[in-house]
Amino acid sequence: MATTSKTYQLNDIGSPIGVVIYRADGTLESQLGSATTKQIILEKPSGETLTKTAVLVTDGSDGQMHYITVSGDLDETGTWNYHGYVVIGSGMWKTTVKTFEVLENL
């Protein structure tokens, strides 16, 4: 089940959407810096998906990566789903699906 983590406003620009990568055994992925693919997959309330290239928050040893929104990303109000996807060597991981809300502006 998805969990709501944040709220954003419609058409926010420069907002980070981040994930922490864990291995299947529950340990933190400390080799994220060597990932050849780092993505955040967003699903709009309408069902359309966006695949965005993520960047490391630090050097990757903390398992954290994020995507910073640009113009046109957060263009629908409602509940969005998202998860991270990485490829490290021959392994591929997806994070748990999370949600966030995009709220109307005045």
PDB file of N, CA and C in Angstrom:
ATOM      1  N   MET A   1       0.836  -1.175   0.000  1.00  0.00           N
ATOM      2  CA  MET A   1       0.000   0.000   0.000  1.00  0.00           C
ATOM      3  C   MET A   1       0.885   1.244   0.000  1.00  0.00           C
ATOM      4  N   ALA A   2       0.479   2.233  -0.782  1.00  0.00           N
ATOM      5  CA  ALA A   2       1.240   3.469  -0.880  1.00  0.00           C
ATOM      6  C   ALA A   2       1.013   4.338   0.348  1.00  0.00           C
ATOM      7  N   THR A   3       2.041   5.109   0.681  1.00  0.00           N
ATOM      8  CA  THR A   3       1.930   6.021   1.815  1.00  0.00           C
ATOM      9  C   THR A   3       2.175   7.448   1.350  1.00  0.00           C
ATOM     10  N   THR A   4       1.381   8.386   1.835  1.00  0.00           N
ATOM     11  CA  THR A   4       1.537   9.790   1.460  1.00  0.00           C
ATOM     12  C   THR A   4       2.684  10.399   2.250  1.00  0.00           C
ATOM     13  N   SER A   5       3.592  11.057   1.538  1.00  0.00           N
ATOM     14  CA  SER A   5       4.751  11.618   2.218  1.00  0.00           C
ATOM     15  C   SER A   5       4.822  13.136   2.171  1.00  0.00           C
ATOM     16  N   LYS A   6       4.305  13.768   1.123  1.00  0.00           N
ATOM     17  CA  LYS A   6       4.470  15.213   0.983  1.00  0.00           C
ATOM     18  C   LYS A   6       3.286  15.808   0.244  1.00  0.00           C
ATOM     19  N   THR A   7       3.235  17.139   0.279  1.00  0.00           N
ATOM     20  CA  THR A   7       2.293  17.868  -0.562  1.00  0.00           C
ATOM     21  C   THR A   7       3.067  18.921  -1.348  1.00  0.00           C
ATOM     22  N   TYR A   8       2.586  19.178  -2.534  1.00  0.00           N
ATOM     23  CA  TYR A   8       3.148  20.185  -3.423  1.00  0.00           C
ATOM     24  C   TYR A   8       1.995  21.028  -3.930  1.00  0.00           C
ATOM     25  N   GLN A   9       2.309  22.155  -4.514  1.00  0.00           N
ATOM     26  CA  GLN A   9       1.294  22.995  -5.136  1.00  0.00           C
ATOM     27  C   GLN A   9       1.344  22.781  -6.647  1.00  0.00           C
ATOM     28  N   LEU A  10       0.214  22.986  -7.295  1.00  0.00           N
ATOM     29  CA  LEU A  10       0.115  22.860  -8.739  1.00  0.00           C
ATOM     30  C   LEU A  10       1.194  23.709  -9.408  1.00  0.00           C
ATOM     31  N   ASN A  11       1.920  23.091 -10.325  1.00  0.00           N
ATOM     32  CA  ASN A  11       2.973  23.740 -11.120  1.00  0.00           C
ATOM     33  C   ASN A  11       4.203  24.158 -10.322  1.00  0.00           C
ATOM     34  N   ASP A  12       4.430  23.558  -9.135  1.00  0.00           N
ATOM     35  CA  ASP A  12       5.670  23.818  -8.397  1.00  0.00           C
ATOM     36  C   ASP A  12       6.879  23.491  -9.264  1.00  0.00           C
ATOM     37  N   ILE A  13       7.894  24.315  -9.171  1.00  0.00           N
ATOM     38  CA  ILE A  13       9.161  24.111  -9.880  1.00  0.00           C
ATOM     39  C   ILE A  13      10.269  24.121  -8.835  1.00  0.00           C
ATOM     40  N   GLY A  14      11.218  23.208  -8.940  1.00  0.00           N
ATOM     41  CA  GLY A  14      12.345  23.168  -8.019  1.00  0.00           C
ATOM     42  C   GLY A  14      12.096  22.368  -6.757  1.00  0.00           C
ATOM     43  N   SER A  15      11.045  21.563  -6.748  1.00  0.00           N
ATOM     44  CA  SER A  15      10.721  20.747  -5.580  1.00  0.00           C
ATOM     45  C   SER A  15      11.331  19.359  -5.696  1.00  0.00           C
ATOM     46  N   PRO A  16      12.041  18.898  -4.675  1.00  0.00           N
ATOM     47  CA  PRO A  16      12.636  17.557  -4.740  1.00  0.00           C
ATOM     48  C   PRO A  16      11.604  16.465  -4.452  1.00  0.00           C
ATOM     49  N   ILE A  17      11.686  15.402  -5.232  1.00  0.00           N
ATOM     50  CA  ILE A  17      10.905  14.185  -5.006  1.00  0.00           C
ATOM     51  C   ILE A  17      11.936  13.082  -4.859  1.00  0.00           C
ATOM     52  N   GLY A  18      12.067  12.542  -3.654  1.00  0.00           N
ATOM     53  CA  GLY A  18      13.176  11.637  -3.386  1.00  0.00           C
ATOM     54  C   GLY A  18      12.773  10.281  -2.860  1.00  0.00           C
ATOM     55  N   VAL A  19      13.727   9.372  -2.953  1.00  0.00           N
ATOM     56  CA  VAL A  19      13.556   8.008  -2.443  1.00  0.00           C
ATOM     57  C   VAL A  19      14.859   7.558  -1.797  1.00  0.00           C
ATOM     58  N   VAL A  20      14.751   6.539  -0.965  1.00  0.00           N
ATOM     59  CA  VAL A  20      15.913   5.868  -0.390  1.00  0.00           C
ATOM     60  C   VAL A  20      15.866   4.427  -0.882  1.00  0.00           C
ATOM     61  N   ILE A  21      16.984   3.947  -1.396  1.00  0.00           N
ATOM     62  CA  ILE A  21      17.052   2.606  -1.970  1.00  0.00           C
ATOM     63  C   ILE A  21      17.552   1.618  -0.926  1.00  0.00           C
ATOM     64  N   TYR A  22      16.783   0.556  -0.746  1.00  0.00           N
ATOM     65  CA  TYR A  22      17.155  -0.547   0.149  1.00  0.00           C
ATOM     66  C   TYR A  22      17.280  -1.822  -0.669  1.00  0.00           C
ATOM     67  N   ARG A  23      18.157  -2.691  -0.253  1.00  0.00           N
ATOM     68  CA  ARG A  23      18.286  -4.013  -0.864  1.00  0.00           C
ATOM     69  C   ARG A  23      17.131  -4.893  -0.412  1.00  0.00           C
ATOM     70  N   ALA A  24      16.967  -6.018  -1.077  1.00  0.00           N
ATOM     71  CA  ALA A  24      15.867  -6.942  -0.757  1.00  0.00           C
ATOM     72  C   ALA A  24      15.924  -7.427   0.691  1.00  0.00           C
ATOM     73  N   ASP A  25      17.127  -7.486   1.267  1.00  0.00           N
ATOM     74  CA  ASP A  25      17.249  -7.942   2.656  1.00  0.00           C
ATOM     75  C   ASP A  25      16.995  -6.823   3.666  1.00  0.00           C
ATOM     76  N   GLY A  26      16.620  -5.631   3.176  1.00  0.00           N
ATOM     77  CA  GLY A  26      16.296  -4.524   4.058  1.00  0.00           C
ATOM     78  C   GLY A  26      17.452  -3.609   4.411  1.00  0.00           C
ATOM     79  N   THR A  27      18.662  -3.941   3.932  1.00  0.00           N
ATOM     80  CA  THR A  27      19.808  -3.077   4.219  1.00  0.00           C
ATOM     81  C   THR A  27      19.867  -1.926   3.216  1.00  0.00           C
ATOM     82  N   LEU A  28      20.408  -0.831   3.660  1.00  0.00           N
ATOM     83  CA  LEU A  28      20.559   0.354   2.829  1.00  0.00           C
ATOM     84  C   LEU A  28      21.500   0.063   1.671  1.00  0.00           C
ATOM     85  N   GLU A  29      21.150   0.520   0.471  1.00  0.00           N
ATOM     86  CA  GLU A  29      22.027   0.366  -0.687  1.00  0.00           C
ATOM     87  C   GLU A  29      23.120   1.430  -0.610  1.00  0.00           C
ATOM     88  N   SER A  30      24.327   1.011  -0.242  1.00  0.00           N
ATOM     89  CA  SER A  30      25.428   1.955  -0.045  1.00  0.00           C
ATOM     90  C   SER A  30      26.275   2.154  -1.303  1.00  0.00           C
ATOM     91  N   GLN A  31      25.959   1.441  -2.372  1.00  0.00           N
ATOM     92  CA  GLN A  31      26.725   1.546  -3.619  1.00  0.00           C
ATOM     93  C   GLN A  31      25.944   2.282  -4.709  1.00  0.00           C
ATOM     94  N   LEU A  32      25.023   3.140  -4.308  1.00  0.00           N
ATOM     95  CA  LEU A  32      24.183   3.842  -5.273  1.00  0.00           C
ATOM     96  C   LEU A  32      25.006   4.696  -6.236  1.00  0.00           C
ATOM     97  N   GLY A  33      26.170   5.122  -5.797  1.00  0.00           N
ATOM     98  CA  GLY A  33      27.043   5.917  -6.659  1.00  0.00           C
ATOM     99  C   GLY A  33      27.496   5.182  -7.903  1.00  0.00           C
ATOM    100  N   SER A  34      27.474   3.861  -7.890  1.00  0.00           N
ATOM    101  CA  SER A  34      27.885   3.087  -9.059  1.00  0.00           C
ATOM    102  C   SER A  34      26.702   2.681  -9.945  1.00  0.00           C
ATOM    103  N   ALA A  35      25.512   3.162  -9.641  1.00  0.00           N
ATOM    104  CA  ALA A  35      24.332   2.828 -10.446  1.00  0.00           C
ATOM    105  C   ALA A  35      24.456   3.415 -11.848  1.00  0.00           C
ATOM    106  N   THR A  36      24.114   2.609 -12.840  1.00  0.00           N
ATOM    107  CA  THR A  36      24.130   3.080 -14.226  1.00  0.00           C
ATOM    108  C   THR A  36      22.785   3.686 -14.620  1.00  0.00           C
ATOM    109  N   THR A  37      21.748   3.353 -13.883  1.00  0.00           N
ATOM    110  CA  THR A  37      20.422   3.938 -14.098  1.00  0.00           C
ATOM    111  C   THR A  37      19.866   4.370 -12.752  1.00  0.00           C
ATOM    112  N   LYS A  38      19.411   5.617 -12.686  1.00  0.00           N
ATOM    113  CA  LYS A  38      18.761   6.160 -11.491  1.00  0.00           C
ATOM    114  C   LYS A  38      17.539   6.934 -11.976  1.00  0.00           C
ATOM    115  N   GLN A  39      16.349   6.446 -11.631  1.00  0.00           N
ATOM    116  CA  GLN A  39      15.135   7.083 -12.113  1.00  0.00           C
ATOM    117  C   GLN A  39      14.094   7.212 -11.010  1.00  0.00           C
ATOM    118  N   ILE A  40      13.245   8.221 -11.168  1.00  0.00           N
ATOM    119  CA  ILE A  40      12.030   8.366 -10.378  1.00  0.00           C
ATOM    120  C   ILE A  40      10.883   8.267 -11.379  1.00  0.00           C
ATOM    121  N   ILE A  41       9.984   7.317 -11.159  1.00  0.00           N
ATOM    122  CA  ILE A  41       8.825   7.145 -12.020  1.00  0.00           C
ATOM    123  C   ILE A  41       7.631   7.755 -11.302  1.00  0.00           C
ATOM    124  N   LEU A  42       6.980   8.704 -11.964  1.00  0.00           N
ATOM    125  CA  LEU A  42       5.828   9.416 -11.418  1.00  0.00           C
ATOM    126  C   LEU A  42       4.572   8.980 -12.166  1.00  0.00           C
ATOM    127  N   GLU A  43       3.493   8.781 -11.432  1.00  0.00           N
ATOM    128  CA  GLU A  43       2.201   8.504 -12.055  1.00  0.00           C
ATOM    129  C   GLU A  43       1.228   9.593 -11.653  1.00  0.00           C
ATOM    130  N   LYS A  44       0.719  10.317 -12.647  1.00  0.00           N
ATOM    131  CA  LYS A  44      -0.228  11.403 -12.408  1.00  0.00           C
ATOM    132  C   LYS A  44      -1.589  10.828 -11.990  1.00  0.00           C
ATOM    133  N   PRO A  45      -2.445  11.648 -11.410  1.00  0.00           N
ATOM    134  CA  PRO A  45      -3.791  11.185 -11.072  1.00  0.00           C
ATOM    135  C   PRO A  45      -4.554  10.639 -12.281  1.00  0.00           C
ATOM    136  N   SER A  46      -4.256  11.147 -13.475  1.00  0.00           N
ATOM    137  CA  SER A  46      -4.921  10.685 -14.701  1.00  0.00           C
ATOM    138  C   SER A  46      -4.417   9.324 -15.176  1.00  0.00           C
ATOM    139  N   GLY A  47      -3.313   8.836 -14.573  1.00  0.00           N
ATOM    140  CA  GLY A  47      -2.737   7.562 -14.972  1.00  0.00           C
ATOM    141  C   GLY A  47      -1.526   7.683 -15.881  1.00  0.00           C
ATOM    142  N   GLU A  48      -1.280   8.862 -16.434  1.00  0.00           N
ATOM    143  CA  GLU A  48      -0.100   9.075 -17.276  1.00  0.00           C
ATOM    144  C   GLU A  48       1.155   8.938 -16.418  1.00  0.00           C
ATOM    145  N   THR A  49       2.202   8.308 -16.966  1.00  0.00           N
ATOM    146  CA  THR A  49       3.450   8.171 -16.224  1.00  0.00           C
ATOM    147  C   THR A  49       4.551   9.025 -16.838  1.00  0.00           C
ATOM    148  N   LEU A  50       5.437   9.478 -15.966  1.00  0.00           N
ATOM    149  CA  LEU A  50       6.621  10.241 -16.355  1.00  0.00           C
ATOM    150  C   LEU A  50       7.831   9.520 -15.775  1.00  0.00           C
ATOM    151  N   THR A  51       8.852   9.306 -16.565  1.00  0.00           N
ATOM    152  CA  THR A  51      10.094   8.715 -16.078  1.00  0.00           C
ATOM    153  C   THR A  51      11.156   9.804 -16.101  1.00  0.00           C
ATOM    154  N   LYS A  52      11.689  10.115 -14.918  1.00  0.00           N
ATOM    155  CA  LYS A  52      12.632  11.213 -14.770  1.00  0.00           C
ATOM    156  C   LYS A  52      13.976  10.689 -14.275  1.00  0.00           C
ATOM    157  N   THR A  53      15.048  11.248 -14.776  1.00  0.00           N
ATOM    158  CA  THR A  53      16.388  10.883 -14.324  1.00  0.00           C
ATOM    159  C   THR A  53      16.636  11.481 -12.950  1.00  0.00           C
ATOM    160  N   ALA A  54      17.027  10.640 -12.014  1.00  0.00           N
ATOM    161  CA  ALA A  54      17.311  11.086 -10.650  1.00  0.00           C
ATOM    162  C   ALA A  54      18.800  11.371 -10.495  1.00  0.00           C
ATOM    163  N   VAL A  55      19.122  12.148  -9.473  1.00  0.00           N
ATOM    164  CA  VAL A  55      20.507  12.430  -9.119  1.00  0.00           C
ATOM    165  C   VAL A  55      20.718  12.047  -7.661  1.00  0.00           C
ATOM    166  N   LEU A  56      21.957  11.809  -7.312  1.00  0.00           N
ATOM    167  CA  LEU A  56      22.290  11.464  -5.937  1.00  0.00           C
ATOM    168  C   LEU A  56      22.140  12.683  -5.038  1.00  0.00           C
ATOM    169  N   VAL A  57      21.720  12.460  -3.805  1.00  0.00           N
ATOM    170  CA  VAL A  57      21.624  13.539  -2.834  1.00  0.00           C
ATOM    171  C   VAL A  57      23.019  13.849  -2.284  1.00  0.00           C
ATOM    172  N   THR A  58      23.826  12.801  -2.049  1.00  0.00           N
ATOM    173  CA  THR A  58      25.216  12.977  -1.595  1.00  0.00           C
ATOM    174  C   THR A  58      26.107  12.174  -2.538  1.00  0.00           C
ATOM    175  N   ASP A  59      26.928  11.281  -2.001  1.00  0.00           N
ATOM    176  CA  ASP A  59      27.805  10.454  -2.834  1.00  0.00           C
ATOM    177  C   ASP A  59      27.212   9.083  -3.140  1.00  0.00           C
ATOM    178  N   GLY A  60      25.995   8.828  -2.689  1.00  0.00           N
ATOM    179  CA  GLY A  60      25.335   7.556  -2.937  1.00  0.00           C
ATOM    180  C   GLY A  60      25.476   6.550  -1.821  1.00  0.00           C
ATOM    181  N   SER A  61      26.357   6.795  -0.866  1.00  0.00           N
ATOM    182  CA  SER A  61      26.548   5.840   0.230  1.00  0.00           C
ATOM    183  C   SER A  61      25.369   5.828   1.201  1.00  0.00           C
ATOM    184  N   ASP A  62      24.520   6.851   1.114  1.00  0.00           N
ATOM    185  CA  ASP A  62      23.346   6.931   1.987  1.00  0.00           C
ATOM    186  C   ASP A  62      22.084   6.378   1.320  1.00  0.00           C
ATOM    187  N   GLY A  63      22.191   5.879   0.076  1.00  0.00           N
ATOM    188  CA  GLY A  63      21.062   5.291  -0.629  1.00  0.00           C
ATOM    189  C   GLY A  63      20.027   6.286  -1.122  1.00  0.00           C
ATOM    190  N   GLN A  64      20.317   7.580  -1.025  1.00  0.00           N
ATOM    191  CA  GLN A  64      19.327   8.602  -1.372  1.00  0.00           C
ATOM    192  C   GLN A  64      19.537   9.177  -2.768  1.00  0.00           C
ATOM    193  N   MET A  65      18.425   9.314  -3.474  1.00  0.00           N
ATOM    194  CA  MET A  65      18.433  10.000  -4.766  1.00  0.00           C
ATOM    195  C   MET A  65      17.135  10.776  -4.890  1.00  0.00           C
ATOM    196  N   HIS A  66      17.145  11.795  -5.751  1.00  0.00           N
ATOM    197  CA  HIS A  66      15.934  12.577  -5.945  1.00  0.00           C
ATOM    198  C   HIS A  66      15.887  13.161  -7.349  1.00  0.00           C
ATOM    199  N   TYR A  67      14.710  13.661  -7.672  1.00  0.00           N
ATOM    200  CA  TYR A  67      14.477  14.392  -8.909  1.00  0.00           C
ATOM    201  C   TYR A  67      13.938  15.756  -8.500  1.00  0.00           C
ATOM    202  N   ILE A  68      14.380  16.798  -9.176  1.00  0.00           N
ATOM    203  CA  ILE A  68      13.919  18.156  -8.895  1.00  0.00           C
ATOM    204  C   ILE A  68      12.941  18.561 -10.009  1.00  0.00           C
ATOM    205  N   THR A  69      11.713  18.921  -9.618  1.00  0.00           N
ATOM    206  CA  THR A  69      10.683  19.221 -10.613  1.00  0.00           C
ATOM    207  C   THR A  69      11.036  20.435 -11.464  1.00  0.00           C
ATOM    208  N   VAL A  70      10.581  20.369 -12.715  1.00  0.00           N
ATOM    209  CA  VAL A  70      10.748  21.468 -13.665  1.00  0.00           C
ATOM    210  C   VAL A  70       9.365  21.887 -14.168  1.00  0.00           C
ATOM    211  N   SER A  71       9.319  22.954 -14.917  1.00  0.00           N
ATOM    212  CA  SER A  71       8.069  23.454 -15.471  1.00  0.00           C
ATOM    213  C   SER A  71       7.348  22.354 -16.250  1.00  0.00           C
ATOM    214  N   GLY A  72       6.057  22.199 -15.974  1.00  0.00           N
ATOM    215  CA  GLY A  72       5.250  21.211 -16.685  1.00  0.00           C
ATOM    216  C   GLY A  72       5.122  19.875 -15.991  1.00  0.00           C
ATOM    217  N   ASP A  73       5.930  19.626 -14.948  1.00  0.00           N
ATOM    218  CA  ASP A  73       5.859  18.324 -14.264  1.00  0.00           C
ATOM    219  C   ASP A  73       4.581  18.171 -13.449  1.00  0.00           C
ATOM    220  N   LEU A  74       4.393  19.020 -12.472  1.00  0.00           N
ATOM    221  CA  LEU A  74       3.267  18.881 -11.533  1.00  0.00           C
ATOM    222  C   LEU A  74       2.057  19.651 -12.055  1.00  0.00           C
ATOM    223  N   ASP A  75       1.493  19.141 -13.146  1.00  0.00           N
ATOM    224  CA  ASP A  75       0.443  19.850 -13.871  1.00  0.00           C
ATOM    225  C   ASP A  75      -0.969  19.316 -13.630  1.00  0.00           C
ATOM    226  N   GLU A  76      -1.131  18.414 -12.661  1.00  0.00           N
ATOM    227  CA  GLU A  76      -2.456  17.894 -12.305  1.00  0.00           C
ATOM    228  C   GLU A  76      -2.597  17.891 -10.789  1.00  0.00           C
ATOM    229  N   THR A  77      -3.773  18.292 -10.305  1.00  0.00           N
ATOM    230  CA  THR A  77      -4.030  18.203  -8.874  1.00  0.00           C
ATOM    231  C   THR A  77      -4.512  16.799  -8.542  1.00  0.00           C
ATOM    232  N   GLY A  78      -4.300  16.409  -7.291  1.00  0.00           N
ATOM    233  CA  GLY A  78      -4.748  15.105  -6.835  1.00  0.00           C
ATOM    234  C   GLY A  78      -3.603  14.279  -6.289  1.00  0.00           C
ATOM    235  N   THR A  79      -3.844  12.987  -6.140  1.00  0.00           N
ATOM    236  CA  THR A  79      -2.869  12.065  -5.576  1.00  0.00           C
ATOM    237  C   THR A  79      -2.000  11.470  -6.678  1.00  0.00           C
ATOM    238  N   TRP A  80      -0.706  11.637  -6.528  1.00  0.00           N
ATOM    239  CA  TRP A  80       0.288  11.090  -7.444  1.00  0.00           C
ATOM    240  C   TRP A  80       0.967   9.897  -6.776  1.00  0.00           C
ATOM    241  N   ASN A  81       1.357   8.902  -7.567  1.00  0.00           N
ATOM    242  CA  ASN A  81       2.166   7.771  -7.102  1.00  0.00           C
ATOM    243  C   ASN A  81       3.576   7.939  -7.658  1.00  0.00           C
ATOM    244  N   TYR A  82       4.553   7.398  -6.941  1.00  0.00           N
ATOM    245  CA  TYR A  82       5.927   7.422  -7.457  1.00  0.00           C
ATOM    246  C   TYR A  82       6.749   6.323  -6.811  1.00  0.00           C
ATOM    247  N   HIS A  83       7.807   5.947  -7.496  1.00  0.00           N
ATOM    248  CA  HIS A  83       8.801   5.035  -6.917  1.00  0.00           C
ATOM    249  C   HIS A  83      10.122   5.230  -7.642  1.00  0.00           C
ATOM    250  N   GLY A  84      11.177   4.743  -7.016  1.00  0.00           N
ATOM    251  CA  GLY A  84      12.502   4.825  -7.605  1.00  0.00           C
ATOM    252  C   GLY A  84      12.857   3.533  -8.315  1.00  0.00           C
ATOM    253  N   TYR A  85      13.773   3.643  -9.266  1.00  0.00           N
ATOM    254  CA  TYR A  85      14.267   2.490 -10.016  1.00  0.00           C
ATOM    255  C   TYR A  85      15.764   2.685 -10.230  1.00  0.00           C
ATOM    256  N   VAL A  86      16.561   1.669  -9.907  1.00  0.00           N
ATOM    257  CA  VAL A  86      18.005   1.743 -10.120  1.00  0.00           C
ATOM    258  C   VAL A  86      18.527   0.450 -10.721  1.00  0.00           C
ATOM    259  N   VAL A  87      19.621   0.585 -11.454  1.00  0.00           N
ATOM    260  CA  VAL A  87      20.366  -0.560 -11.974  1.00  0.00           C
ATOM    261  C   VAL A  87      21.800  -0.415 -11.481  1.00  0.00           C
ATOM    262  N   ILE A  88      22.263  -1.445 -10.762  1.00  0.00           N
ATOM    263  CA  ILE A  88      23.637  -1.483 -10.266  1.00  0.00           C
ATOM    264  C   ILE A  88      24.203  -2.834 -10.665  1.00  0.00           C
ATOM    265  N   GLY A  89      25.195  -2.815 -11.562  1.00  0.00           N
ATOM    266  CA  GLY A  89      25.746  -4.077 -12.059  1.00  0.00           C
ATOM    267  C   GLY A  89      24.658  -4.878 -12.742  1.00  0.00           C
ATOM    268  N   SER A  90      24.484  -6.133 -12.335  1.00  0.00           N
ATOM    269  CA  SER A  90      23.455  -6.980 -12.934  1.00  0.00           C
ATOM    270  C   SER A  90      22.144  -6.930 -12.142  1.00  0.00           C
ATOM    271  N   GLY A  91      22.082  -6.096 -11.092  1.00  0.00           N
ATOM    272  CA  GLY A  91      20.874  -6.006 -10.273  1.00  0.00           C
ATOM    273  C   GLY A  91      20.011  -4.811 -10.637  1.00  0.00           C
ATOM    274  N   MET A  92      18.696  -4.982 -10.475  1.00  0.00           N
ATOM    275  CA  MET A  92      17.732  -3.914 -10.711  1.00  0.00           C
ATOM    276  C   MET A  92      16.802  -3.867  -9.511  1.00  0.00           C
ATOM    277  N   TRP A  93      16.532  -2.665  -8.986  1.00  0.00           N
ATOM    278  CA  TRP A  93      15.665  -2.510  -7.831  1.00  0.00           C
ATOM    279  C   TRP A  93      14.636  -1.427  -8.070  1.00  0.00           C
ATOM    280  N   LYS A  94      13.434  -1.644  -7.523  1.00  0.00           N
ATOM    281  CA  LYS A  94      12.394  -0.624  -7.466  1.00  0.00           C
ATOM    282  C   LYS A  94      12.041  -0.426  -6.001  1.00  0.00           C
ATOM    283  N   THR A  95      11.762   0.803  -5.644  1.00  0.00           N
ATOM    284  CA  THR A  95      11.371   1.087  -4.266  1.00  0.00           C
ATOM    285  C   THR A  95       9.881   0.824  -4.091  1.00  0.00           C
ATOM    286  N   THR A  96       9.449   0.872  -2.844  1.00  0.00           N
ATOM    287  CA  THR A  96       8.038   0.808  -2.529  1.00  0.00           C
ATOM    288  C   THR A  96       7.343   2.020  -3.129  1.00  0.00           C
ATOM    289  N   VAL A  97       6.129   1.827  -3.622  1.00  0.00           N
ATOM    290  CA  VAL A  97       5.356   2.941  -4.169  1.00  0.00           C
ATOM    291  C   VAL A  97       4.914   3.852  -3.024  1.00  0.00           C
ATOM    292  N   LYS A  98       5.095   5.142  -3.232  1.00  0.00           N
ATOM    293  CA  LYS A  98       4.664   6.166  -2.281  1.00  0.00           C
ATOM    294  C   LYS A  98       3.747   7.126  -3.016  1.00  0.00           C
ATOM    295  N   THR A  99       3.095   7.998  -2.265  1.00  0.00           N
ATOM    296  CA  THR A  99       2.223   8.986  -2.888  1.00  0.00           C
ATOM    297  C   THR A  99       2.525  10.374  -2.363  1.00  0.00           C
ATOM    298  N   PHE A 100       2.103  11.358  -3.123  1.00  0.00           N
ATOM    299  CA  PHE A 100       2.104  12.734  -2.660  1.00  0.00           C
ATOM    300  C   PHE A 100       0.892  13.426  -3.269  1.00  0.00           C
ATOM    301  N   GLU A 101       0.525  14.532  -2.681  1.00  0.00           N
ATOM    302  CA  GLU A 101      -0.623  15.304  -3.132  1.00  0.00           C
ATOM    303  C   GLU A 101      -0.152  16.566  -3.836  1.00  0.00           C
ATOM    304  N   VAL A 102      -0.811  16.891  -4.936  1.00  0.00           N
ATOM    305  CA  VAL A 102      -0.625  18.182  -5.590  1.00  0.00           C
ATOM    306  C   VAL A 102      -1.911  18.955  -5.373  1.00  0.00           C
ATOM    307  N   LEU A 103      -1.779  20.122  -4.725  1.00  0.00           N
ATOM    308  CA  LEU A 103      -2.925  20.924  -4.317  1.00  0.00           C
ATOM    309  C   LEU A 103      -3.169  22.082  -5.273  1.00  0.00           C
ATOM    310  N   GLU A 104      -4.420  22.526  -5.328  1.00  0.00           N
ATOM    311  CA  GLU A 104      -4.821  23.687  -6.127  1.00  0.00           C
ATOM    312  C   GLU A 104      -4.150  24.960  -5.617  1.00  0.00           C
ATOM    313  N   ASN A 105      -3.973  25.913  -6.488  1.00  0.00           N
ATOM    314  CA  ASN A 105      -3.531  27.251  -6.128  1.00  0.00           C
ATOM    315  C   ASN A 105      -4.744  28.171  -6.056  1.00  0.00           C
ATOM    316  N   LEU A 106      -4.586  29.332  -5.452  1.00  0.00           N
ATOM    317  CA  LEU A 106      -5.685  30.327  -5.416  1.00  0.00           C
ATOM    318  C   LEU A 106      -5.930  30.876  -6.803  1.00  0.00           C
TER     319      LEU A 106
END
